[in-house]
Amino acid sequence: MLELRPNCECCGTELCPDAADAWICSFECTYCGDCQRGVLAGRCPNCTGDLQRRPARPAHLLAKYPPATRRIVKEGGCA
């Protein structure tokens, strides 16, 4: 099950569980659309895999399967 991490790992932008512009790699590294389209150019800086739009968890399942709360932010961003 996806963790649905709460923020962009590059810039720290908050990403709600149903964010339409959240992107992940196969390891669930999570980024906002601005970083995905900009500095990352569609590639994860950790594994170099391609980034895909993160699916949203249906609202009625969020209580039973809550999103992650642990924030991960790269020191110095993803420059």
N, C-alpha and C. Protein backbone atom coordinates (compact mmCIF):
# COMPACT_ATOMS: atom_id res chain seq x y z
N MET A 1 0.84 -1.17 0.00
CA MET A 1 0.00 0.00 0.00
C MET A 1 0.89 1.24 0.00
N LEU A 2 0.54 2.22 -0.79
CA LEU A 2 1.32 3.45 -0.86
C LEU A 2 1.30 4.21 0.46
N GLU A 3 2.43 4.79 0.80
CA GLU A 3 2.52 5.57 2.04
C GLU A 3 1.78 6.89 1.95
N LEU A 4 1.70 7.47 0.76
CA LEU A 4 1.14 8.81 0.56
C LEU A 4 1.88 9.81 1.46
N ARG A 5 3.15 9.96 1.19
CA ARG A 5 3.99 10.87 1.97
C ARG A 5 3.46 12.30 1.90
N PRO A 6 3.64 13.07 2.99
CA PRO A 6 2.96 14.35 3.12
C PRO A 6 3.60 15.56 2.46
N ASN A 7 4.77 15.38 1.83
CA ASN A 7 5.46 16.56 1.30
C ASN A 7 6.41 16.21 0.16
N CYS A 8 6.82 17.25 -0.55
CA CYS A 8 7.83 17.11 -1.60
C CYS A 8 9.20 16.95 -0.94
N GLU A 9 9.96 15.97 -1.37
CA GLU A 9 11.27 15.73 -0.78
C GLU A 9 12.31 16.76 -1.20
N CYS A 10 12.02 17.52 -2.25
CA CYS A 10 12.96 18.56 -2.71
C CYS A 10 12.75 19.89 -2.01
N CYS A 11 11.51 20.38 -2.05
CA CYS A 11 11.24 21.74 -1.57
C CYS A 11 10.41 21.79 -0.30
N GLY A 12 9.86 20.66 0.13
CA GLY A 12 9.09 20.62 1.36
C GLY A 12 7.62 21.00 1.20
N THR A 13 7.16 21.31 -0.01
CA THR A 13 5.77 21.66 -0.24
C THR A 13 4.84 20.58 0.30
N GLU A 14 3.79 21.01 0.99
CA GLU A 14 2.79 20.07 1.51
C GLU A 14 2.04 19.42 0.36
N LEU A 15 1.81 18.12 0.46
CA LEU A 15 1.05 17.37 -0.54
C LEU A 15 -0.03 16.56 0.19
N CYS A 16 -1.26 17.00 0.07
CA CYS A 16 -2.36 16.29 0.72
C CYS A 16 -2.56 14.92 0.04
N PRO A 17 -3.23 13.99 0.70
CA PRO A 17 -3.38 12.64 0.16
C PRO A 17 -4.04 12.59 -1.23
N ASP A 18 -4.84 13.60 -1.55
CA ASP A 18 -5.51 13.60 -2.86
C ASP A 18 -4.91 14.64 -3.81
N ALA A 19 -3.66 15.04 -3.54
CA ALA A 19 -3.01 16.05 -4.39
C ALA A 19 -2.96 15.57 -5.84
N ALA A 20 -3.44 16.40 -6.74
CA ALA A 20 -3.45 16.04 -8.16
C ALA A 20 -2.08 16.18 -8.80
N ASP A 21 -1.19 16.91 -8.15
CA ASP A 21 0.13 17.16 -8.72
C ASP A 21 1.25 16.61 -7.84
N ALA A 22 1.05 15.38 -7.34
CA ALA A 22 2.08 14.68 -6.57
C ALA A 22 2.66 13.59 -7.45
N TRP A 23 3.97 13.40 -7.39
CA TRP A 23 4.68 12.47 -8.26
C TRP A 23 5.55 11.55 -7.42
N ILE A 24 5.64 10.26 -7.82
CA ILE A 24 6.45 9.29 -7.09
C ILE A 24 7.27 8.43 -8.05
N CYS A 25 8.35 7.86 -7.51
CA CYS A 25 9.12 6.85 -8.24
C CYS A 25 8.68 5.48 -7.71
N SER A 26 9.30 4.42 -8.17
CA SER A 26 8.90 3.08 -7.74
C SER A 26 9.25 2.80 -6.26
N PHE A 27 10.09 3.66 -5.66
CA PHE A 27 10.42 3.53 -4.24
C PHE A 27 9.60 4.48 -3.38
N GLU A 28 8.65 5.18 -4.00
CA GLU A 28 7.75 6.13 -3.36
C GLU A 28 8.41 7.43 -2.92
N CYS A 29 9.60 7.73 -3.44
CA CYS A 29 10.13 9.06 -3.24
C CYS A 29 9.09 9.99 -3.82
N THR A 30 8.79 11.09 -3.14
CA THR A 30 7.62 11.90 -3.48
C THR A 30 8.01 13.34 -3.77
N TYR A 31 7.44 13.90 -4.85
CA TYR A 31 7.80 15.25 -5.29
C TYR A 31 6.56 16.01 -5.77
N CYS A 32 6.62 17.32 -5.68
CA CYS A 32 5.55 18.16 -6.20
C CYS A 32 5.74 18.32 -7.71
N GLY A 33 4.72 18.78 -8.36
CA GLY A 33 4.76 18.96 -9.81
C GLY A 33 5.80 19.98 -10.25
N ASP A 34 5.97 21.04 -9.48
CA ASP A 34 6.96 22.06 -9.85
C ASP A 34 8.36 21.46 -9.90
N CYS A 35 8.73 20.67 -8.89
CA CYS A 35 10.06 20.05 -8.88
C CYS A 35 10.16 18.96 -9.95
N GLN A 36 9.10 18.19 -10.12
CA GLN A 36 9.10 17.11 -11.13
C GLN A 36 9.33 17.68 -12.52
N ARG A 37 8.65 18.78 -12.84
CA ARG A 37 8.78 19.38 -14.18
C ARG A 37 10.05 20.22 -14.31
N GLY A 38 10.53 20.74 -13.19
CA GLY A 38 11.68 21.64 -13.21
C GLY A 38 12.99 20.94 -12.98
N VAL A 39 13.53 21.09 -11.78
CA VAL A 39 14.88 20.62 -11.45
C VAL A 39 15.06 19.11 -11.67
N LEU A 40 13.99 18.32 -11.52
CA LEU A 40 14.12 16.87 -11.65
C LEU A 40 13.94 16.37 -13.08
N ALA A 41 13.30 17.15 -13.91
CA ALA A 41 13.06 16.77 -15.31
C ALA A 41 12.47 15.36 -15.43
N GLY A 42 11.56 15.02 -14.51
CA GLY A 42 10.86 13.74 -14.60
C GLY A 42 11.62 12.53 -14.08
N ARG A 43 12.77 12.73 -13.43
CA ARG A 43 13.59 11.62 -12.91
C ARG A 43 13.81 11.77 -11.40
N CYS A 44 13.76 10.66 -10.70
CA CYS A 44 14.02 10.66 -9.26
C CYS A 44 15.52 10.87 -9.03
N PRO A 45 15.91 11.81 -8.18
CA PRO A 45 17.33 12.03 -7.93
C PRO A 45 17.98 10.92 -7.09
N ASN A 46 17.16 10.08 -6.47
CA ASN A 46 17.69 9.01 -5.63
C ASN A 46 17.99 7.74 -6.44
N CYS A 47 17.04 7.33 -7.29
CA CYS A 47 17.20 6.06 -8.02
C CYS A 47 17.31 6.26 -9.53
N THR A 48 17.11 7.46 -10.00
CA THR A 48 17.10 7.86 -11.42
C THR A 48 15.93 7.27 -12.20
N GLY A 49 14.98 6.65 -11.49
CA GLY A 49 13.78 6.12 -12.14
C GLY A 49 12.86 7.25 -12.57
N ASP A 50 11.92 6.93 -13.47
CA ASP A 50 10.99 7.95 -13.93
C ASP A 50 9.92 8.20 -12.87
N LEU A 51 9.40 9.40 -12.86
CA LEU A 51 8.36 9.79 -11.91
C LEU A 51 7.00 9.66 -12.57
N GLN A 52 6.06 9.11 -11.80
CA GLN A 52 4.69 8.92 -12.25
C GLN A 52 3.75 9.65 -11.30
N ARG A 53 2.61 10.08 -11.82
CA ARG A 53 1.62 10.74 -10.98
C ARG A 53 1.19 9.78 -9.87
N ARG A 54 1.17 10.29 -8.64
CA ARG A 54 0.77 9.46 -7.50
C ARG A 54 -0.75 9.32 -7.48
N PRO A 55 -1.25 8.10 -7.37
CA PRO A 55 -2.70 7.92 -7.29
C PRO A 55 -3.24 8.44 -5.96
N ALA A 56 -4.49 8.85 -5.97
CA ALA A 56 -5.14 9.34 -4.75
C ALA A 56 -5.88 8.18 -4.09
N ARG A 57 -5.84 8.15 -2.77
CA ARG A 57 -6.61 7.16 -2.03
C ARG A 57 -8.02 7.70 -1.85
N PRO A 58 -9.04 6.90 -2.08
CA PRO A 58 -10.41 7.38 -1.91
C PRO A 58 -10.62 7.92 -0.49
N ALA A 59 -11.34 9.01 -0.39
CA ALA A 59 -11.55 9.70 0.89
C ALA A 59 -12.14 8.77 1.95
N HIS A 60 -13.04 7.87 1.56
CA HIS A 60 -13.68 7.00 2.55
C HIS A 60 -12.72 5.96 3.13
N LEU A 61 -11.52 5.82 2.56
CA LEU A 61 -10.55 4.85 3.08
C LEU A 61 -9.41 5.50 3.86
N LEU A 62 -9.38 6.83 3.91
CA LEU A 62 -8.28 7.51 4.59
C LEU A 62 -8.25 7.26 6.10
N ALA A 63 -9.40 7.10 6.72
CA ALA A 63 -9.42 6.83 8.16
C ALA A 63 -8.86 5.44 8.47
N LYS A 64 -9.23 4.47 7.64
CA LYS A 64 -8.76 3.10 7.85
C LYS A 64 -7.30 2.93 7.43
N TYR A 65 -6.91 3.63 6.36
CA TYR A 65 -5.56 3.55 5.82
C TYR A 65 -4.99 4.97 5.71
N PRO A 66 -4.56 5.54 6.82
CA PRO A 66 -4.12 6.95 6.81
C PRO A 66 -2.81 7.15 6.05
N PRO A 67 -2.62 8.37 5.53
CA PRO A 67 -1.36 8.68 4.86
C PRO A 67 -0.22 8.78 5.87
N ALA A 68 0.99 8.71 5.38
CA ALA A 68 2.18 8.84 6.23
C ALA A 68 2.24 10.23 6.84
N THR A 69 2.91 10.35 7.97
CA THR A 69 3.10 11.66 8.61
C THR A 69 4.58 12.05 8.67
N ARG A 70 5.47 11.10 8.48
CA ARG A 70 6.91 11.37 8.54
C ARG A 70 7.33 12.17 7.31
N ARG A 71 7.95 13.32 7.57
CA ARG A 71 8.40 14.21 6.50
C ARG A 71 9.84 13.88 6.12
N ILE A 72 10.10 13.80 4.81
CA ILE A 72 11.45 13.59 4.29
C ILE A 72 11.75 14.77 3.38
N VAL A 73 12.82 15.49 3.67
CA VAL A 73 13.24 16.61 2.82
C VAL A 73 14.74 16.52 2.66
N LYS A 74 15.19 16.55 1.41
CA LYS A 74 16.63 16.51 1.12
C LYS A 74 17.30 17.77 1.64
N GLU A 75 18.34 17.62 2.41
CA GLU A 75 19.10 18.77 2.88
C GLU A 75 19.67 19.50 1.67
N GLY A 76 19.34 20.76 1.53
CA GLY A 76 19.82 21.55 0.39
C GLY A 76 18.94 21.40 -0.85
N GLY A 77 17.83 20.67 -0.74
CA GLY A 77 16.94 20.50 -1.88
C GLY A 77 17.48 19.53 -2.91
N CYS A 78 17.01 19.64 -4.12
CA CYS A 78 17.40 18.72 -5.19
C CYS A 78 18.17 19.42 -6.30
N ALA A 79 18.87 20.45 -5.97
CA ALA A 79 19.60 21.20 -7.00
C ALA A 79 20.69 20.38 -7.65
